[in-house]
Amino acid sequence: MGFGAVIFDLDGVLVFTDKYHYLAWKEIAKELSIDFTQEDNNRLRGVSRRESLDIILEKYKGPSLSEEKIEDLLERKNNLYREYLKEMSPSDVTKDVRDTLKKLRENGLKLAVGSSSKNTSFILEKTDLTDYFDAVADGTMITRSKPDPEVFLKAAEFIGMDPKDCLVIEDADAGIEAAKAAGMHQAAIGAARDSHASEYEIESISDILSL
């Protein structure tokens, strides 16, 4: 089946920033006397910052937190994360990813990023990926996170494509659900392959070329 556009999730698909999220959230959790593990971090894939904090607070046993305190925690987590992101460079993107993006563009496909992250543009800039994409829809433009389809529908709108002609590449179950809700085709990579819920399953980004 042919596609007119490919919409990529960012983290876990084009780049891998899990370790930076983990380190930043771990510092916040430590302040709250919460034991934050790698398994806990895996639950945060594809969800918003606020929802991530809600998941972490499931283990919280201290006094109730005011909305002001919660906002402060969210802001400080993001500041910590952005400090870690400064370490990123073009070398954090694999040759497989760059070659695939180049070939897709040469084949005339529209390319977009659909990510819940509010740091998407910053990461694309640090890794020298910005110019590969016709549009970016991210967490600064949406009010509802995946599995709501809002971010993917915005990406399709930005590149002028009908959702049914778009293929979404995702590594999180919430992202696959969002793509389905948007009426788009879906290809699971990484952890999302384990649930076998997507239309396609790929082992590497370059496998898109055979679809």
N, C-alpha and C. Protein backbone atom coordinates (compact mmCIF):
# COMPACT_ATOMS: atom_id res chain seq x y z
N MET A 1 0.85 -1.20 0.00
CA MET A 1 0.00 0.00 0.00
C MET A 1 0.88 1.24 0.00
N GLY A 2 0.56 2.23 -0.80
CA GLY A 2 1.35 3.44 -0.85
C GLY A 2 0.85 4.47 0.14
N PHE A 3 1.75 5.33 0.58
CA PHE A 3 1.40 6.40 1.51
C PHE A 3 1.87 7.72 0.93
N GLY A 4 1.17 8.78 1.29
CA GLY A 4 1.59 10.10 0.82
C GLY A 4 2.46 10.82 1.83
N ALA A 5 2.40 10.36 3.08
CA ALA A 5 3.15 11.03 4.13
C ALA A 5 3.50 10.06 5.25
N VAL A 6 4.58 10.37 5.93
CA VAL A 6 4.97 9.60 7.11
C VAL A 6 5.11 10.58 8.27
N ILE A 7 4.44 10.25 9.37
CA ILE A 7 4.51 11.07 10.58
C ILE A 7 5.26 10.28 11.65
N PHE A 8 6.32 10.85 12.16
CA PHE A 8 7.17 10.16 13.12
C PHE A 8 6.96 10.69 14.54
N ASP A 9 6.83 9.77 15.48
CA ASP A 9 7.02 10.14 16.87
C ASP A 9 8.51 10.49 17.01
N LEU A 10 8.86 11.23 18.02
CA LEU A 10 10.26 11.66 18.16
C LEU A 10 11.08 10.71 19.04
N ASP A 11 10.76 10.71 20.32
CA ASP A 11 11.57 9.97 21.28
C ASP A 11 11.33 8.47 21.17
N GLY A 12 12.39 7.72 20.98
CA GLY A 12 12.28 6.28 20.83
C GLY A 12 12.13 5.85 19.39
N VAL A 13 11.97 6.82 18.49
CA VAL A 13 11.84 6.52 17.06
C VAL A 13 12.98 7.17 16.27
N LEU A 14 13.07 8.49 16.37
CA LEU A 14 14.13 9.22 15.66
C LEU A 14 15.36 9.41 16.53
N VAL A 15 15.12 9.66 17.81
CA VAL A 15 16.20 9.83 18.78
C VAL A 15 15.82 9.10 20.05
N PHE A 16 16.78 8.99 20.96
CA PHE A 16 16.52 8.28 22.22
C PHE A 16 16.93 9.17 23.39
N THR A 17 15.93 9.73 24.05
CA THR A 17 16.20 10.63 25.17
C THR A 17 15.69 10.05 26.49
N ASP A 18 15.32 8.78 26.48
CA ASP A 18 14.80 8.14 27.69
C ASP A 18 15.71 8.36 28.89
N LYS A 19 17.01 8.23 28.67
CA LYS A 19 17.95 8.33 29.79
C LYS A 19 17.92 9.72 30.42
N TYR A 20 17.67 10.75 29.59
CA TYR A 20 17.61 12.11 30.11
C TYR A 20 16.32 12.34 30.89
N HIS A 21 15.21 11.82 30.36
CA HIS A 21 13.95 11.89 31.11
C HIS A 21 14.11 11.18 32.45
N TYR A 22 14.70 10.02 32.41
CA TYR A 22 14.87 9.20 33.62
C TYR A 22 15.68 9.95 34.68
N LEU A 23 16.80 10.53 34.27
CA LEU A 23 17.65 11.24 35.22
C LEU A 23 16.95 12.46 35.81
N ALA A 24 16.20 13.18 34.96
CA ALA A 24 15.50 14.37 35.44
C ALA A 24 14.37 14.00 36.40
N TRP A 25 13.56 13.00 36.00
CA TRP A 25 12.47 12.58 36.88
C TRP A 25 13.00 11.98 38.17
N LYS A 26 14.12 11.30 38.11
CA LYS A 26 14.69 10.68 39.31
C LYS A 26 15.08 11.74 40.34
N GLU A 27 15.58 12.87 39.86
CA GLU A 27 15.92 13.96 40.78
C GLU A 27 14.67 14.52 41.45
N ILE A 28 13.60 14.68 40.66
CA ILE A 28 12.35 15.18 41.22
C ILE A 28 11.78 14.17 42.22
N ALA A 29 11.80 12.89 41.85
CA ALA A 29 11.27 11.84 42.74
C ALA A 29 12.06 11.78 44.05
N LYS A 30 13.38 11.93 43.96
CA LYS A 30 14.23 11.89 45.15
C LYS A 30 13.84 12.98 46.13
N GLU A 31 13.54 14.15 45.60
CA GLU A 31 13.12 15.28 46.43
C GLU A 31 11.84 14.96 47.19
N LEU A 32 10.99 14.13 46.57
CA LEU A 32 9.70 13.76 47.18
C LEU A 32 9.79 12.44 47.95
N SER A 33 11.02 11.93 48.12
CA SER A 33 11.26 10.66 48.82
C SER A 33 10.53 9.49 48.15
N ILE A 34 10.53 9.53 46.81
CA ILE A 34 9.90 8.48 46.02
C ILE A 34 10.98 7.65 45.34
N ASP A 35 10.85 6.34 45.43
CA ASP A 35 11.76 5.45 44.74
C ASP A 35 11.33 5.35 43.28
N PHE A 36 12.14 5.89 42.38
CA PHE A 36 11.79 5.93 40.96
C PHE A 36 12.72 5.00 40.19
N THR A 37 12.15 3.97 39.59
CA THR A 37 12.94 2.95 38.91
C THR A 37 12.85 3.07 37.40
N GLN A 38 13.68 2.31 36.72
CA GLN A 38 13.64 2.28 35.25
C GLN A 38 12.30 1.75 34.78
N GLU A 39 11.72 0.81 35.55
CA GLU A 39 10.40 0.26 35.20
C GLU A 39 9.34 1.36 35.29
N ASP A 40 9.45 2.20 36.32
CA ASP A 40 8.53 3.33 36.44
C ASP A 40 8.67 4.25 35.23
N ASN A 41 9.90 4.49 34.84
CA ASN A 41 10.16 5.38 33.71
C ASN A 41 9.53 4.85 32.43
N ASN A 42 9.52 3.53 32.27
CA ASN A 42 8.93 2.93 31.07
C ASN A 42 7.44 3.22 30.96
N ARG A 43 6.79 3.42 32.09
CA ARG A 43 5.36 3.73 32.08
C ARG A 43 5.07 5.13 31.56
N LEU A 44 6.09 5.96 31.48
CA LEU A 44 5.91 7.35 31.08
C LEU A 44 6.01 7.56 29.58
N ARG A 45 6.28 6.48 28.84
CA ARG A 45 6.43 6.59 27.39
C ARG A 45 5.17 7.15 26.73
N GLY A 46 5.34 8.20 25.96
CA GLY A 46 4.24 8.71 25.15
C GLY A 46 3.19 9.52 25.88
N VAL A 47 3.38 9.77 27.18
CA VAL A 47 2.37 10.55 27.91
C VAL A 47 2.93 11.92 28.25
N SER A 48 2.05 12.84 28.59
CA SER A 48 2.46 14.23 28.84
C SER A 48 3.25 14.34 30.14
N ARG A 49 3.86 15.50 30.31
CA ARG A 49 4.65 15.75 31.52
C ARG A 49 3.77 15.68 32.77
N ARG A 50 2.58 16.30 32.70
CA ARG A 50 1.68 16.30 33.86
C ARG A 50 1.23 14.88 34.18
N GLU A 51 0.88 14.12 33.16
CA GLU A 51 0.45 12.74 33.39
C GLU A 51 1.60 11.90 33.93
N SER A 52 2.82 12.19 33.49
CA SER A 52 3.99 11.48 34.00
C SER A 52 4.16 11.73 35.49
N LEU A 53 4.01 12.99 35.89
CA LEU A 53 4.13 13.31 37.32
C LEU A 53 3.03 12.62 38.12
N ASP A 54 1.82 12.55 37.58
CA ASP A 54 0.72 11.87 38.26
C ASP A 54 1.07 10.40 38.51
N ILE A 55 1.72 9.77 37.52
CA ILE A 55 2.12 8.37 37.67
C ILE A 55 3.18 8.23 38.77
N ILE A 56 4.15 9.14 38.78
CA ILE A 56 5.20 9.11 39.80
C ILE A 56 4.61 9.32 41.18
N LEU A 57 3.62 10.20 41.28
CA LEU A 57 3.02 10.52 42.58
C LEU A 57 2.16 9.38 43.15
N GLU A 58 1.95 8.34 42.37
CA GLU A 58 1.23 7.18 42.89
C GLU A 58 1.97 6.59 44.10
N LYS A 59 3.29 6.79 44.16
CA LYS A 59 4.09 6.28 45.27
C LYS A 59 4.33 7.32 46.37
N TYR A 60 3.78 8.50 46.18
CA TYR A 60 4.03 9.60 47.13
C TYR A 60 3.25 9.41 48.42
N LYS A 61 3.92 9.59 49.55
CA LYS A 61 3.27 9.38 50.85
C LYS A 61 3.34 10.63 51.73
N GLY A 62 3.76 11.75 51.17
CA GLY A 62 3.88 12.98 51.95
C GLY A 62 2.60 13.77 51.99
N PRO A 63 2.68 15.01 52.52
CA PRO A 63 1.50 15.89 52.58
C PRO A 63 1.04 16.26 51.17
N SER A 64 -0.23 16.60 51.05
CA SER A 64 -0.78 16.92 49.73
C SER A 64 -0.04 18.10 49.12
N LEU A 65 0.08 18.07 47.80
CA LEU A 65 0.82 19.09 47.08
C LEU A 65 -0.13 20.11 46.47
N SER A 66 0.18 21.37 46.64
CA SER A 66 -0.64 22.42 46.05
C SER A 66 -0.42 22.44 44.54
N GLU A 67 -1.34 23.06 43.84
CA GLU A 67 -1.19 23.19 42.39
C GLU A 67 0.06 23.99 42.05
N GLU A 68 0.37 24.97 42.88
CA GLU A 68 1.57 25.79 42.67
C GLU A 68 2.84 24.92 42.80
N LYS A 69 2.84 24.02 43.79
CA LYS A 69 3.99 23.14 43.98
C LYS A 69 4.13 22.18 42.81
N ILE A 70 3.00 21.67 42.33
CA ILE A 70 3.02 20.75 41.19
C ILE A 70 3.58 21.45 39.95
N GLU A 71 3.13 22.67 39.72
CA GLU A 71 3.64 23.43 38.57
C GLU A 71 5.13 23.69 38.70
N ASP A 72 5.57 23.94 39.93
CA ASP A 72 7.00 24.15 40.17
C ASP A 72 7.80 22.89 39.87
N LEU A 73 7.29 21.73 40.29
CA LEU A 73 7.95 20.45 40.02
C LEU A 73 8.05 20.19 38.52
N LEU A 74 6.97 20.48 37.80
CA LEU A 74 6.95 20.26 36.36
C LEU A 74 7.96 21.16 35.65
N GLU A 75 8.03 22.40 36.09
CA GLU A 75 8.96 23.34 35.46
C GLU A 75 10.40 22.95 35.74
N ARG A 76 10.67 22.54 36.99
CA ARG A 76 12.04 22.17 37.33
C ARG A 76 12.47 20.88 36.64
N LYS A 77 11.51 19.94 36.48
CA LYS A 77 11.85 18.72 35.75
C LYS A 77 12.24 19.07 34.33
N ASN A 78 11.48 19.95 33.70
CA ASN A 78 11.77 20.31 32.31
C ASN A 78 13.11 21.03 32.20
N ASN A 79 13.42 21.88 33.18
CA ASN A 79 14.71 22.58 33.16
C ASN A 79 15.87 21.60 33.30
N LEU A 80 15.69 20.61 34.17
CA LEU A 80 16.72 19.58 34.34
C LEU A 80 16.89 18.80 33.04
N TYR A 81 15.77 18.43 32.45
CA TYR A 81 15.78 17.67 31.19
C TYR A 81 16.47 18.45 30.09
N ARG A 82 16.15 19.73 29.96
CA ARG A 82 16.76 20.55 28.91
C ARG A 82 18.27 20.71 29.12
N GLU A 83 18.69 20.72 30.37
CA GLU A 83 20.13 20.77 30.64
C GLU A 83 20.81 19.51 30.13
N TYR A 84 20.17 18.37 30.35
CA TYR A 84 20.72 17.11 29.84
C TYR A 84 20.69 17.09 28.31
N LEU A 85 19.63 17.64 27.72
CA LEU A 85 19.50 17.64 26.27
C LEU A 85 20.60 18.44 25.58
N LYS A 86 21.19 19.37 26.29
CA LYS A 86 22.28 20.17 25.71
C LYS A 86 23.46 19.30 25.31
N GLU A 87 23.51 18.09 25.88
CA GLU A 87 24.59 17.17 25.54
C GLU A 87 24.36 16.49 24.19
N MET A 88 23.14 16.62 23.65
CA MET A 88 22.83 15.94 22.40
C MET A 88 23.53 16.61 21.21
N SER A 89 23.77 15.83 20.17
CA SER A 89 24.43 16.34 18.97
C SER A 89 23.95 15.51 17.78
N PRO A 90 24.34 15.89 16.55
CA PRO A 90 23.96 15.09 15.37
C PRO A 90 24.39 13.63 15.47
N SER A 91 25.40 13.34 16.26
CA SER A 91 25.87 11.95 16.39
C SER A 91 24.87 11.07 17.14
N ASP A 92 23.86 11.69 17.77
CA ASP A 92 22.83 10.90 18.46
C ASP A 92 21.78 10.35 17.51
N VAL A 93 21.88 10.68 16.23
CA VAL A 93 20.97 10.15 15.22
C VAL A 93 21.72 9.12 14.38
N THR A 94 21.13 7.94 14.22
CA THR A 94 21.81 6.87 13.48
C THR A 94 21.82 7.15 11.99
N LYS A 95 22.77 6.54 11.32
CA LYS A 95 22.86 6.64 9.85
C LYS A 95 21.59 6.07 9.22
N ASP A 96 21.04 5.02 9.82
CA ASP A 96 19.82 4.39 9.33
C ASP A 96 18.68 5.40 9.28
N VAL A 97 18.54 6.18 10.34
CA VAL A 97 17.48 7.20 10.39
C VAL A 97 17.69 8.26 9.33
N ARG A 98 18.89 8.81 9.24
CA ARG A 98 19.16 9.87 8.26
C ARG A 98 18.98 9.37 6.83
N ASP A 99 19.50 8.19 6.54
CA ASP A 99 19.39 7.65 5.18
C ASP A 99 17.94 7.41 4.80
N THR A 100 17.16 6.90 5.75
CA THR A 100 15.75 6.62 5.49
C THR A 100 14.96 7.90 5.25
N LEU A 101 15.18 8.91 6.07
CA LEU A 101 14.50 10.19 5.88
C LEU A 101 14.85 10.78 4.51
N LYS A 102 16.11 10.69 4.14
CA LYS A 102 16.56 11.22 2.85
C LYS A 102 15.85 10.50 1.69
N LYS A 103 15.78 9.16 1.77
CA LYS A 103 15.16 8.39 0.70
C LYS A 103 13.66 8.65 0.61
N LEU A 104 13.02 8.79 1.76
CA LEU A 104 11.58 9.08 1.76
C LEU A 104 11.30 10.42 1.08
N ARG A 105 12.13 11.40 1.37
CA ARG A 105 11.96 12.72 0.74
C ARG A 105 12.22 12.63 -0.77
N GLU A 106 13.24 11.86 -1.13
CA GLU A 106 13.56 11.69 -2.56
C GLU A 106 12.41 11.02 -3.30
N ASN A 107 11.65 10.17 -2.58
CA ASN A 107 10.52 9.47 -3.18
C ASN A 107 9.25 10.34 -3.19
N GLY A 108 9.38 11.57 -2.73
CA GLY A 108 8.26 12.51 -2.82
C GLY A 108 7.28 12.49 -1.67
N LEU A 109 7.60 11.79 -0.58
CA LEU A 109 6.69 11.74 0.55
C LEU A 109 6.83 12.99 1.41
N LYS A 110 5.70 13.43 1.98
CA LYS A 110 5.73 14.50 2.97
C LYS A 110 6.14 13.86 4.32
N LEU A 111 6.96 14.57 5.08
CA LEU A 111 7.42 14.05 6.36
C LEU A 111 7.09 15.04 7.47
N ALA A 112 6.62 14.50 8.59
CA ALA A 112 6.29 15.36 9.73
C ALA A 112 6.65 14.65 11.03
N VAL A 113 6.77 15.44 12.08
CA VAL A 113 6.95 14.89 13.42
C VAL A 113 5.67 15.15 14.20
N GLY A 114 5.20 14.13 14.93
CA GLY A 114 4.05 14.27 15.81
C GLY A 114 4.43 13.79 17.19
N SER A 115 4.75 14.71 18.08
CA SER A 115 5.27 14.35 19.40
C SER A 115 4.60 15.15 20.50
N SER A 116 4.37 14.51 21.64
CA SER A 116 3.78 15.20 22.79
C SER A 116 4.80 16.08 23.50
N SER A 117 6.08 15.92 23.17
CA SER A 117 7.14 16.67 23.83
C SER A 117 7.09 18.16 23.47
N LYS A 118 7.25 19.00 24.49
CA LYS A 118 7.32 20.43 24.25
C LYS A 118 8.74 20.85 23.86
N ASN A 119 9.66 19.90 23.88
CA ASN A 119 11.05 20.18 23.54
C ASN A 119 11.41 19.67 22.15
N THR A 120 10.41 19.33 21.36
CA THR A 120 10.65 18.72 20.05
C THR A 120 11.56 19.57 19.16
N SER A 121 11.24 20.84 19.01
CA SER A 121 12.03 21.70 18.12
C SER A 121 13.47 21.82 18.61
N PHE A 122 13.64 21.91 19.91
CA PHE A 122 14.98 22.01 20.50
C PHE A 122 15.80 20.75 20.19
N ILE A 123 15.17 19.58 20.33
CA ILE A 123 15.87 18.32 20.06
C ILE A 123 16.20 18.19 18.57
N LEU A 124 15.26 18.53 17.72
CA LEU A 124 15.51 18.46 16.27
C LEU A 124 16.66 19.38 15.88
N GLU A 125 16.72 20.53 16.51
CA GLU A 125 17.80 21.47 16.22
C GLU A 125 19.15 20.93 16.70
N LYS A 126 19.18 20.39 17.92
CA LYS A 126 20.43 19.88 18.48
C LYS A 126 20.98 18.71 17.68
N THR A 127 20.08 17.92 17.08
CA THR A 127 20.51 16.72 16.35
C THR A 127 20.57 16.93 14.84
N ASP A 128 20.33 18.16 14.40
CA ASP A 128 20.41 18.51 12.99
C ASP A 128 19.41 17.71 12.14
N LEU A 129 18.18 17.62 12.64
CA LEU A 129 17.12 16.90 11.92
C LEU A 129 16.05 17.82 11.34
N THR A 130 16.04 19.07 11.75
CA THR A 130 14.95 19.98 11.40
C THR A 130 14.63 20.00 9.90
N ASP A 131 15.65 20.08 9.08
CA ASP A 131 15.43 20.28 7.64
C ASP A 131 14.86 19.07 6.91
N TYR A 132 14.79 17.93 7.59
CA TYR A 132 14.22 16.74 6.95
C TYR A 132 12.69 16.80 6.91
N PHE A 133 12.09 17.66 7.72
CA PHE A 133 10.65 17.62 7.92
C PHE A 133 9.92 18.82 7.34
N ASP A 134 8.74 18.54 6.78
CA ASP A 134 7.89 19.58 6.22
C ASP A 134 7.11 20.30 7.31
N ALA A 135 6.88 19.63 8.43
CA ALA A 135 6.13 20.24 9.53
C ALA A 135 6.40 19.51 10.83
N VAL A 136 6.15 20.21 11.91
CA VAL A 136 6.30 19.63 13.25
C VAL A 136 5.05 19.99 14.06
N ALA A 137 4.42 18.98 14.65
CA ALA A 137 3.34 19.18 15.61
C ALA A 137 3.85 18.62 16.93
N ASP A 138 3.79 19.44 17.98
CA ASP A 138 4.34 18.97 19.25
C ASP A 138 3.50 19.41 20.44
N GLY A 139 4.04 19.18 21.62
CA GLY A 139 3.30 19.45 22.85
C GLY A 139 2.96 20.90 23.11
N THR A 140 3.62 21.82 22.39
CA THR A 140 3.30 23.24 22.56
C THR A 140 2.03 23.64 21.81
N MET A 141 1.51 22.72 20.98
CA MET A 141 0.39 23.05 20.10
C MET A 141 -0.89 22.29 20.44
N ILE A 142 -0.83 21.42 21.44
CA ILE A 142 -1.98 20.56 21.71
C ILE A 142 -2.48 20.73 23.15
N THR A 143 -3.73 20.33 23.35
CA THR A 143 -4.31 20.36 24.71
C THR A 143 -4.54 18.96 25.24
N ARG A 144 -4.44 17.96 24.35
CA ARG A 144 -4.67 16.57 24.76
C ARG A 144 -3.53 15.69 24.25
N SER A 145 -2.97 14.89 25.16
CA SER A 145 -1.84 14.03 24.80
C SER A 145 -2.33 12.70 24.24
N LYS A 146 -1.44 11.97 23.60
CA LYS A 146 -1.74 10.61 23.14
C LYS A 146 -2.19 9.79 24.36
N PRO A 147 -3.19 8.93 24.22
CA PRO A 147 -3.72 8.35 22.98
C PRO A 147 -4.75 9.20 22.23
N ASP A 148 -4.99 10.44 22.66
CA ASP A 148 -5.82 11.32 21.85
C ASP A 148 -5.09 11.60 20.54
N PRO A 149 -5.80 11.65 19.42
CA PRO A 149 -5.16 11.80 18.11
C PRO A 149 -4.77 13.23 17.74
N GLU A 150 -4.99 14.19 18.64
CA GLU A 150 -4.83 15.60 18.28
C GLU A 150 -3.49 15.92 17.61
N VAL A 151 -2.39 15.44 18.18
CA VAL A 151 -1.08 15.82 17.64
C VAL A 151 -0.86 15.28 16.22
N PHE A 152 -1.37 14.09 15.94
CA PHE A 152 -1.22 13.52 14.60
C PHE A 152 -2.13 14.21 13.59
N LEU A 153 -3.33 14.56 14.03
CA LEU A 153 -4.24 15.28 13.14
C LEU A 153 -3.69 16.66 12.79
N LYS A 154 -3.05 17.31 13.76
CA LYS A 154 -2.42 18.60 13.47
C LYS A 154 -1.28 18.43 12.48
N ALA A 155 -0.47 17.38 12.66
CA ALA A 155 0.65 17.14 11.74
C ALA A 155 0.13 16.96 10.31
N ALA A 156 -0.95 16.17 10.16
CA ALA A 156 -1.53 15.95 8.83
C ALA A 156 -2.06 17.25 8.25
N GLU A 157 -2.68 18.05 9.10
CA GLU A 157 -3.21 19.35 8.66
C GLU A 157 -2.07 20.25 8.18
N PHE A 158 -0.97 20.28 8.93
CA PHE A 158 0.16 21.14 8.60
C PHE A 158 0.79 20.79 7.25
N ILE A 159 0.77 19.50 6.89
CA ILE A 159 1.37 19.10 5.61
C ILE A 159 0.33 18.92 4.51
N GLY A 160 -0.92 19.24 4.83
CA GLY A 160 -1.98 19.22 3.83
C GLY A 160 -2.33 17.84 3.33
N MET A 161 -2.30 16.84 4.24
CA MET A 161 -2.59 15.46 3.85
C MET A 161 -3.83 14.93 4.54
N ASP A 162 -4.58 14.09 3.83
CA ASP A 162 -5.71 13.38 4.41
C ASP A 162 -5.15 12.34 5.39
N PRO A 163 -5.72 12.23 6.59
CA PRO A 163 -5.21 11.25 7.56
C PRO A 163 -5.09 9.84 7.01
N LYS A 164 -6.00 9.43 6.15
CA LYS A 164 -5.97 8.05 5.65
C LYS A 164 -4.77 7.79 4.74
N ASP A 165 -4.10 8.85 4.31
CA ASP A 165 -2.92 8.70 3.46
C ASP A 165 -1.62 8.82 4.25
N CYS A 166 -1.74 8.87 5.58
CA CYS A 166 -0.57 9.04 6.44
C CYS A 166 -0.21 7.74 7.16
N LEU A 167 1.08 7.49 7.29
CA LEU A 167 1.60 6.37 8.07
C LEU A 167 2.31 6.94 9.29
N VAL A 168 1.94 6.47 10.47
CA VAL A 168 2.56 6.92 11.72
C VAL A 168 3.55 5.87 12.22
N ILE A 169 4.74 6.32 12.61
CA ILE A 169 5.75 5.44 13.19
C ILE A 169 5.83 5.72 14.68
N GLU A 170 5.57 4.71 15.49
CA GLU A 170 5.47 4.90 16.94
C GLU A 170 6.16 3.78 17.71
N ASP A 171 6.67 4.13 18.90
CA ASP A 171 7.28 3.11 19.77
C ASP A 171 6.48 2.92 21.05
N ALA A 172 5.33 3.61 21.17
CA ALA A 172 4.51 3.51 22.38
C ALA A 172 3.08 3.10 22.03
N ASP A 173 2.50 2.28 22.90
CA ASP A 173 1.12 1.83 22.67
C ASP A 173 0.15 3.01 22.58
N ALA A 174 0.39 4.03 23.41
CA ALA A 174 -0.49 5.21 23.38
C ALA A 174 -0.43 5.89 22.02
N GLY A 175 0.74 5.87 21.40
CA GLY A 175 0.89 6.47 20.08
C GLY A 175 0.19 5.68 19.00
N ILE A 176 0.25 4.36 19.11
CA ILE A 176 -0.46 3.50 18.15
C ILE A 176 -1.97 3.73 18.26
N GLU A 177 -2.45 3.83 19.50
CA GLU A 177 -3.88 4.11 19.72
C GLU A 177 -4.26 5.46 19.11
N ALA A 178 -3.39 6.44 19.29
CA ALA A 178 -3.66 7.78 18.75
C ALA A 178 -3.73 7.76 17.23
N ALA A 179 -2.81 7.02 16.61
CA ALA A 179 -2.80 6.92 15.15
C ALA A 179 -4.07 6.26 14.64
N LYS A 180 -4.50 5.22 15.32
CA LYS A 180 -5.75 4.54 14.94
C LYS A 180 -6.93 5.50 15.06
N ALA A 181 -6.96 6.24 16.19
CA ALA A 181 -8.07 7.17 16.42
C ALA A 181 -8.09 8.28 15.37
N ALA A 182 -6.90 8.58 14.81
CA ALA A 182 -6.81 9.62 13.78
C ALA A 182 -7.19 9.08 12.40
N GLY A 183 -7.40 7.77 12.30
CA GLY A 183 -7.72 7.18 11.00
C GLY A 183 -6.50 7.00 10.12
N MET A 184 -5.33 6.87 10.76
CA MET A 184 -4.08 6.73 10.02
C MET A 184 -3.55 5.31 10.09
N HIS A 185 -2.68 4.97 9.16
CA HIS A 185 -1.98 3.69 9.21
C HIS A 185 -0.92 3.78 10.31
N GLN A 186 -0.55 2.62 10.87
CA GLN A 186 0.41 2.63 11.97
C GLN A 186 1.48 1.56 11.77
N ALA A 187 2.71 1.91 12.14
CA ALA A 187 3.81 0.95 12.16
C ALA A 187 4.48 1.05 13.53
N ALA A 188 4.55 -0.07 14.22
CA ALA A 188 5.15 -0.11 15.56
C ALA A 188 6.62 -0.48 15.47
N ILE A 189 7.42 0.23 16.25
CA ILE A 189 8.84 -0.06 16.36
C ILE A 189 9.19 -0.10 17.85
N GLY A 190 10.24 -0.79 18.21
CA GLY A 190 10.64 -0.83 19.61
C GLY A 190 9.60 -1.50 20.49
N ALA A 191 9.36 -0.89 21.67
CA ALA A 191 8.48 -1.49 22.67
C ALA A 191 7.06 -1.70 22.18
N ALA A 192 6.58 -0.87 21.27
CA ALA A 192 5.19 -0.98 20.79
C ALA A 192 4.95 -2.26 20.00
N ARG A 193 6.00 -2.89 19.54
CA ARG A 193 5.83 -4.14 18.78
C ARG A 193 5.33 -5.27 19.68
N ASP A 194 5.61 -5.18 20.98
CA ASP A 194 5.29 -6.27 21.90
C ASP A 194 3.79 -6.52 22.02
N SER A 195 2.99 -5.47 21.85
CA SER A 195 1.54 -5.62 22.02
C SER A 195 0.85 -6.12 20.76
N HIS A 196 1.55 -6.11 19.62
CA HIS A 196 1.00 -6.58 18.35
C HIS A 196 -0.34 -5.92 18.02
N ALA A 197 -0.44 -4.63 18.36
CA ALA A 197 -1.70 -3.91 18.15
C ALA A 197 -1.70 -3.07 16.89
N SER A 198 -0.56 -2.98 16.22
CA SER A 198 -0.46 -2.08 15.07
C SER A 198 -0.65 -2.81 13.75
N GLU A 199 -0.89 -2.02 12.73
CA GLU A 199 -1.09 -2.56 11.38
C GLU A 199 0.18 -3.20 10.84
N TYR A 200 1.31 -2.55 11.13
CA TYR A 200 2.62 -3.06 10.70
C TYR A 200 3.56 -3.10 11.90
N GLU A 201 4.55 -3.96 11.82
CA GLU A 201 5.61 -4.01 12.83
C GLU A 201 6.94 -3.97 12.10
N ILE A 202 7.81 -3.06 12.52
CA ILE A 202 9.11 -2.92 11.86
C ILE A 202 10.23 -3.04 12.90
N GLU A 203 11.36 -3.58 12.45
CA GLU A 203 12.49 -3.74 13.35
C GLU A 203 13.40 -2.52 13.31
N SER A 204 13.47 -1.87 12.15
CA SER A 204 14.30 -0.68 12.02
C SER A 204 13.58 0.34 11.15
N ILE A 205 14.00 1.59 11.27
CA ILE A 205 13.38 2.66 10.50
C ILE A 205 13.41 2.39 9.01
N SER A 206 14.50 1.81 8.52
CA SER A 206 14.63 1.57 7.08
C SER A 206 13.58 0.60 6.55
N ASP A 207 12.95 -0.18 7.43
CA ASP A 207 11.90 -1.09 7.00
C ASP A 207 10.70 -0.34 6.43
N ILE A 208 10.57 0.95 6.76
CA ILE A 208 9.48 1.75 6.20
C ILE A 208 9.53 1.73 4.67
N LEU A 209 10.73 1.70 4.12
CA LEU A 209 10.88 1.80 2.68
C LEU A 209 10.23 0.63 1.96
N SER A 210 10.11 -0.52 2.64
CA SER A 210 9.50 -1.69 2.00
C SER A 210 7.98 -1.69 2.12
N LEU A 211 7.45 -0.75 2.94
CA LEU A 211 5.98 -0.68 3.08
C LEU A 211 5.37 0.08 1.91
